[in-house]
Structures are given as C-alpha cells and as structure tokens.
Amino acid sequence: MIKKINNTGIVHIVDDEIDVCHSVKFLVESIGLTAICYSSASQFFDQHEDGGAGCIVLDLRMPGISGLEAIELMSENAIYEPVIVITGHGDVPAAVRSLKLGAIDFLEKPCNDHLLIEKVNSAIDMDIKNRELRSHFESIENSYQSLTDRECDVLKCLVAGNSNKEVARNLLVSPKTVERHRSNLMRKLSVGSFAELVRDYASLVEM
C-alpha cells in the first residue's frame, strides 16, 4: 500500500503522453493531493498558477519547448516549485543535465508508483520549507526598507565589526546616538540579539 505522507499540495504534471498524465494524476490524487495536467511546456507556462506548495513532474522529451528548456525558463517565470524529471532510458544523460539546471531528481519511465510518491512527498516538503524561507527573507527585506539612511550607515558599520565607539567616530556622532540607532535597528528588524542582526543582514546581502 502506498504510504500517504502529505495530504495537501499541487502536483503539476507536464507530459505530452496523455496516458502518462492520467496515470500520474490518478496516483497522486489517490493520496489526497491535487493534480493538474499539461500536454506541453507551453501550456504549462500559459496556465500555471501558484496555488500553494507543490511540485512539478516534468517529461524531458516533448514537442516544442523541451523539458530541459522548460527548467531553464522556470526562474524567469517566477516558478519555484521543485522539479522531478521523468524520462525514457535513452534520455538519462539529458536527465543528469537537468539536475545541474535545478531539477531535484529524475525517474525512468515507467515510474515505480511507490518511488514516485516518495519523491513527490519529498518535493512538496522541500517546497513548503523553501516558501517559509522566501517569506522570511521578504520580511527581512521589507524591514530593512523601513530603516533611515543613518540607521543603514550604523548597521553596515556594526556588522563590519566596529564597536559603538568606532561607529560614533566614523560617523561623527556621539556613542549615545549610536546606541539609540542600534536599539532602533533591533526593534525595526525584530531581532533579539546582535548575532541575529548580523545573520539576517548577511542573508539580505546574499539575496
């Protein structure tokens, strides 16, 4: 019996073989997931909507936009769900290339039902975590936008390793002024420690 792990999530199935689409759709719906089929990558890009956490089951060999080309286009279209590639035996070298482009796994057709469900569940779990991280980083960025120019100057000096006195000397202000700015930074960025402040700033810079 197939183990039911996730009971929510959307599986986008992109394959020009109707039988494969229907088979995968029936399988994932049997464990309570939602499945949407697309007969081509073009249709997928035209109709895809972000309805919440999910994953993409993508065939490599399709007319028009190939699976590899589709993976390359996903970030440009702000599509971030994890991609599981399904492929014929002769396409394995291309499937390996798909991993370098960002796919998280590939399976050979015909896919083992238990293995496919395992991969789908893992992909949805990954997407849930990725969405939480993106939400966290967006919150940090929004908080950073609320800082004044002087608070930004103080923040950059602090994360560079300068003490309050050094910051005051560099910015030609009093240490008490630096302490006030530092307190405002902690409040606006909703951090409880200087270490957390540095970590979040580093995350923002890397975005």
Protein backbone atom coordinates (compact mmCIF):
# COMPACT_ATOMS: atom_id res chain seq x y z
CA MET A 1 0.00 0.00 0.00
CA ILE A 2 1.28 3.47 -0.90
CA LYS A 3 2.08 5.49 2.19
CA LYS A 4 0.22 8.76 2.49
CA ILE A 5 2.55 11.45 3.85
CA ASN A 6 1.26 14.79 2.54
CA ASN A 7 -2.46 15.44 2.38
CA THR A 8 -2.11 18.78 0.69
CA GLY A 9 -0.17 20.06 -2.27
CA ILE A 10 -0.43 20.54 -6.00
CA VAL A 11 1.38 18.29 -8.46
CA HIS A 12 1.82 19.85 -11.90
CA ILE A 13 2.25 17.07 -14.48
CA VAL A 14 3.83 18.17 -17.76
CA ASP A 15 3.89 15.39 -20.34
CA ASP A 16 2.67 15.12 -23.93
CA GLU A 17 1.74 11.45 -23.37
CA ILE A 18 -1.88 11.54 -22.23
CA ASP A 19 -1.71 8.07 -20.67
CA VAL A 20 1.26 9.09 -18.52
CA CYS A 21 -0.50 12.26 -17.40
CA HIS A 22 -3.64 10.40 -16.43
CA SER A 23 -1.69 7.66 -14.66
CA VAL A 24 0.35 10.08 -12.55
CA LYS A 25 -2.75 12.19 -11.86
CA PHE A 26 -4.69 9.15 -10.61
CA LEU A 27 -1.74 8.10 -8.45
CA VAL A 28 -1.18 11.41 -6.67
CA GLU A 29 -4.90 12.04 -6.23
CA SER A 30 -5.18 8.65 -4.55
CA ILE A 31 -3.23 10.07 -1.59
CA GLY A 32 -5.21 13.28 -1.41
CA LEU A 33 -3.05 15.58 -3.50
CA THR A 34 -4.31 17.84 -6.27
CA ALA A 35 -3.03 17.11 -9.77
CA ILE A 36 -3.07 19.35 -12.84
CA CYS A 37 -2.06 18.01 -16.26
CA TYR A 38 -0.44 19.94 -19.10
CA SER A 39 0.17 18.43 -22.52
CA SER A 40 3.15 20.69 -23.27
CA ALA A 41 5.58 23.04 -21.59
CA SER A 42 3.98 25.94 -23.45
CA GLN A 43 0.60 25.10 -21.95
CA PHE A 44 2.21 24.83 -18.53
CA PHE A 45 3.74 28.32 -18.76
CA ASP A 46 0.47 29.76 -20.10
CA GLN A 47 -1.74 28.22 -17.42
CA HIS A 48 0.45 27.73 -14.34
CA GLU A 49 -0.77 29.49 -11.22
CA ASP A 50 0.84 29.44 -7.82
CA GLY A 51 -1.85 27.84 -5.71
CA GLY A 52 0.44 26.92 -2.83
CA ALA A 53 3.04 24.30 -2.05
CA GLY A 54 3.58 21.63 -4.66
CA CYS A 55 5.97 20.21 -7.23
CA ILE A 56 6.35 19.66 -10.96
CA VAL A 57 6.60 16.26 -12.63
CA LEU A 58 8.19 17.04 -15.99
CA ASP A 59 8.86 14.93 -19.06
CA LEU A 60 12.10 15.74 -20.87
CA ARG A 61 11.21 14.83 -24.44
CA MET A 62 8.26 16.91 -25.65
CA PRO A 63 7.47 18.74 -28.87
CA GLY A 64 8.09 22.48 -28.80
CA ILE A 65 9.77 23.51 -25.55
CA SER A 66 11.75 20.54 -24.23
CA GLY A 67 11.96 19.61 -20.58
CA LEU A 68 15.49 20.99 -20.30
CA GLU A 69 14.43 24.28 -21.88
CA ALA A 70 11.43 24.43 -19.55
CA ILE A 71 13.63 24.09 -16.46
CA GLU A 72 15.79 26.96 -17.69
CA LEU A 73 12.71 29.14 -18.22
CA MET A 74 11.10 28.49 -14.83
CA SER A 75 13.07 31.01 -12.77
CA GLU A 76 12.43 33.66 -15.45
CA ASN A 77 8.71 32.99 -14.96
CA ALA A 78 8.96 33.06 -11.14
CA ILE A 79 8.11 29.37 -10.91
CA TYR A 80 9.97 27.83 -7.98
CA GLU A 81 8.28 24.50 -7.26
CA PRO A 82 10.80 21.61 -7.17
CA VAL A 83 11.03 19.66 -10.42
CA ILE A 84 11.05 15.86 -10.72
CA VAL A 85 12.05 14.75 -14.20
CA ILE A 86 10.60 11.59 -15.73
CA THR A 87 12.38 10.23 -18.76
CA GLY A 88 12.91 7.29 -21.06
CA HIS A 89 16.03 5.16 -20.73
CA GLY A 90 17.72 6.86 -23.71
CA ASP A 91 17.33 10.28 -22.10
CA VAL A 92 19.30 9.53 -18.94
CA PRO A 93 22.30 11.72 -19.92
CA ALA A 94 19.88 14.60 -20.51
CA ALA A 95 18.20 13.85 -17.18
CA VAL A 96 21.56 14.17 -15.46
CA ARG A 97 21.98 17.56 -17.12
CA SER A 98 18.57 18.52 -15.77
CA LEU A 99 19.91 18.10 -12.22
CA LYS A 100 22.61 20.66 -12.99
CA LEU A 101 19.90 23.04 -14.15
CA GLY A 102 18.00 22.69 -10.89
CA ALA A 103 15.79 19.59 -11.04
CA ILE A 104 15.86 17.72 -7.73
CA ASP A 105 15.56 14.18 -9.09
CA PHE A 106 14.72 12.07 -12.12
CA LEU A 107 12.92 8.79 -12.63
CA GLU A 108 12.89 6.49 -15.63
CA LYS A 109 9.64 5.53 -17.31
CA PRO A 110 7.66 3.55 -16.45
CA CYS A 111 7.89 5.01 -12.94
CA ASN A 112 7.52 2.85 -9.86
CA ASP A 113 4.40 4.10 -8.07
CA HIS A 114 5.85 3.89 -4.56
CA LEU A 115 9.06 5.62 -5.58
CA LEU A 116 7.23 8.38 -7.44
CA ILE A 117 5.00 9.11 -4.46
CA GLU A 118 8.06 9.16 -2.19
CA LYS A 119 9.76 11.69 -4.48
CA VAL A 120 6.60 13.79 -4.77
CA ASN A 121 6.15 13.92 -1.00
CA SER A 122 9.79 14.92 -0.51
CA ALA A 123 9.48 17.61 -3.17
CA ILE A 124 6.38 19.09 -1.56
CA ASP A 125 8.07 19.10 1.84
CA MET A 126 11.01 20.91 0.23
CA ASP A 127 8.69 23.47 -1.37
CA ILE A 128 6.99 24.16 1.96
CA LYS A 129 10.37 24.88 3.58
CA ASN A 130 11.53 26.98 0.62
CA ARG A 131 8.35 29.06 0.80
CA GLU A 132 8.91 29.67 4.50
CA LEU A 133 12.48 30.81 3.79
CA ARG A 134 11.37 33.12 0.98
CA SER A 135 8.71 34.60 3.24
CA HIS A 136 11.31 35.14 5.97
CA PHE A 137 13.73 36.84 3.58
CA GLU A 138 10.96 39.05 2.19
CA SER A 139 10.10 40.07 5.75
CA ILE A 140 13.75 40.95 6.38
CA GLU A 141 13.91 42.97 3.16
CA ASN A 142 10.71 44.85 4.00
CA SER A 143 12.03 45.62 7.47
CA TYR A 144 15.32 46.82 6.02
CA GLN A 145 13.44 49.19 3.72
CA SER A 146 11.99 50.89 6.82
CA LEU A 147 15.43 51.96 8.05
CA THR A 148 16.61 55.53 7.71
CA ASP A 149 19.81 56.31 5.80
CA ARG A 150 21.63 56.93 9.09
CA GLU A 151 20.37 53.63 10.54
CA CYS A 152 21.67 51.88 7.42
CA ASP A 153 25.07 53.52 7.92
CA VAL A 154 25.16 52.37 11.55
CA LEU A 155 24.09 48.85 10.60
CA LYS A 156 26.82 48.50 7.97
CA CYS A 157 29.45 49.71 10.44
CA LEU A 158 28.24 47.36 13.17
CA VAL A 159 28.16 44.25 11.00
CA ALA A 160 31.64 45.13 9.78
CA GLY A 161 32.81 44.51 13.34
CA ASN A 162 33.07 48.07 14.63
CA SER A 163 32.31 48.85 18.26
CA ASN A 164 29.81 51.55 19.20
CA LYS A 165 32.67 53.98 19.84
CA GLU A 166 34.27 53.21 16.50
CA VAL A 167 30.96 53.68 14.73
CA ALA A 168 30.48 57.02 16.52
CA ARG A 169 33.94 58.14 15.47
CA ASN A 170 33.46 57.05 11.85
CA LEU A 171 30.08 58.73 11.51
CA LEU A 172 30.96 61.80 13.59
CA VAL A 173 28.17 61.24 16.11
CA SER A 174 28.08 60.53 19.83
CA PRO A 175 28.19 56.98 21.25
CA LYS A 176 24.75 57.61 22.77
CA THR A 177 23.39 58.37 19.30
CA VAL A 178 24.85 55.11 18.01
CA GLU A 179 23.24 53.24 20.91
CA ARG A 180 19.89 54.81 20.07
CA HIS A 181 20.23 53.84 16.40
CA ARG A 182 21.28 50.34 17.39
CA SER A 183 18.20 49.99 19.58
CA ASN A 184 16.00 51.18 16.71
CA LEU A 185 17.65 48.67 14.39
CA MET A 186 16.92 45.80 16.73
CA ARG A 187 13.29 46.88 17.06
CA LYS A 188 12.62 47.54 13.37
CA LEU A 189 14.29 44.33 12.24
CA SER A 190 12.59 42.30 15.01
CA VAL A 191 15.78 40.66 16.24
CA GLY A 192 16.60 39.68 19.80
CA SER A 193 20.38 39.70 19.62
CA PHE A 194 23.24 41.29 17.74
CA ALA A 195 24.19 37.86 16.34
CA GLU A 196 20.71 37.54 14.85
CA LEU A 197 21.03 41.04 13.41
CA VAL A 198 24.30 40.11 11.67
CA ARG A 199 22.85 36.82 10.37
CA ASP A 200 19.77 38.47 8.89
CA TYR A 201 21.84 41.23 7.31
CA ALA A 202 24.12 38.62 5.73
CA SER A 203 21.05 36.80 4.38
CA LEU A 204 19.75 40.04 2.90
CA VAL A 205 23.03 40.82 1.17
CA GLU A 206 23.10 37.33 -0.38
CA MET A 207 19.55 37.65 -1.79
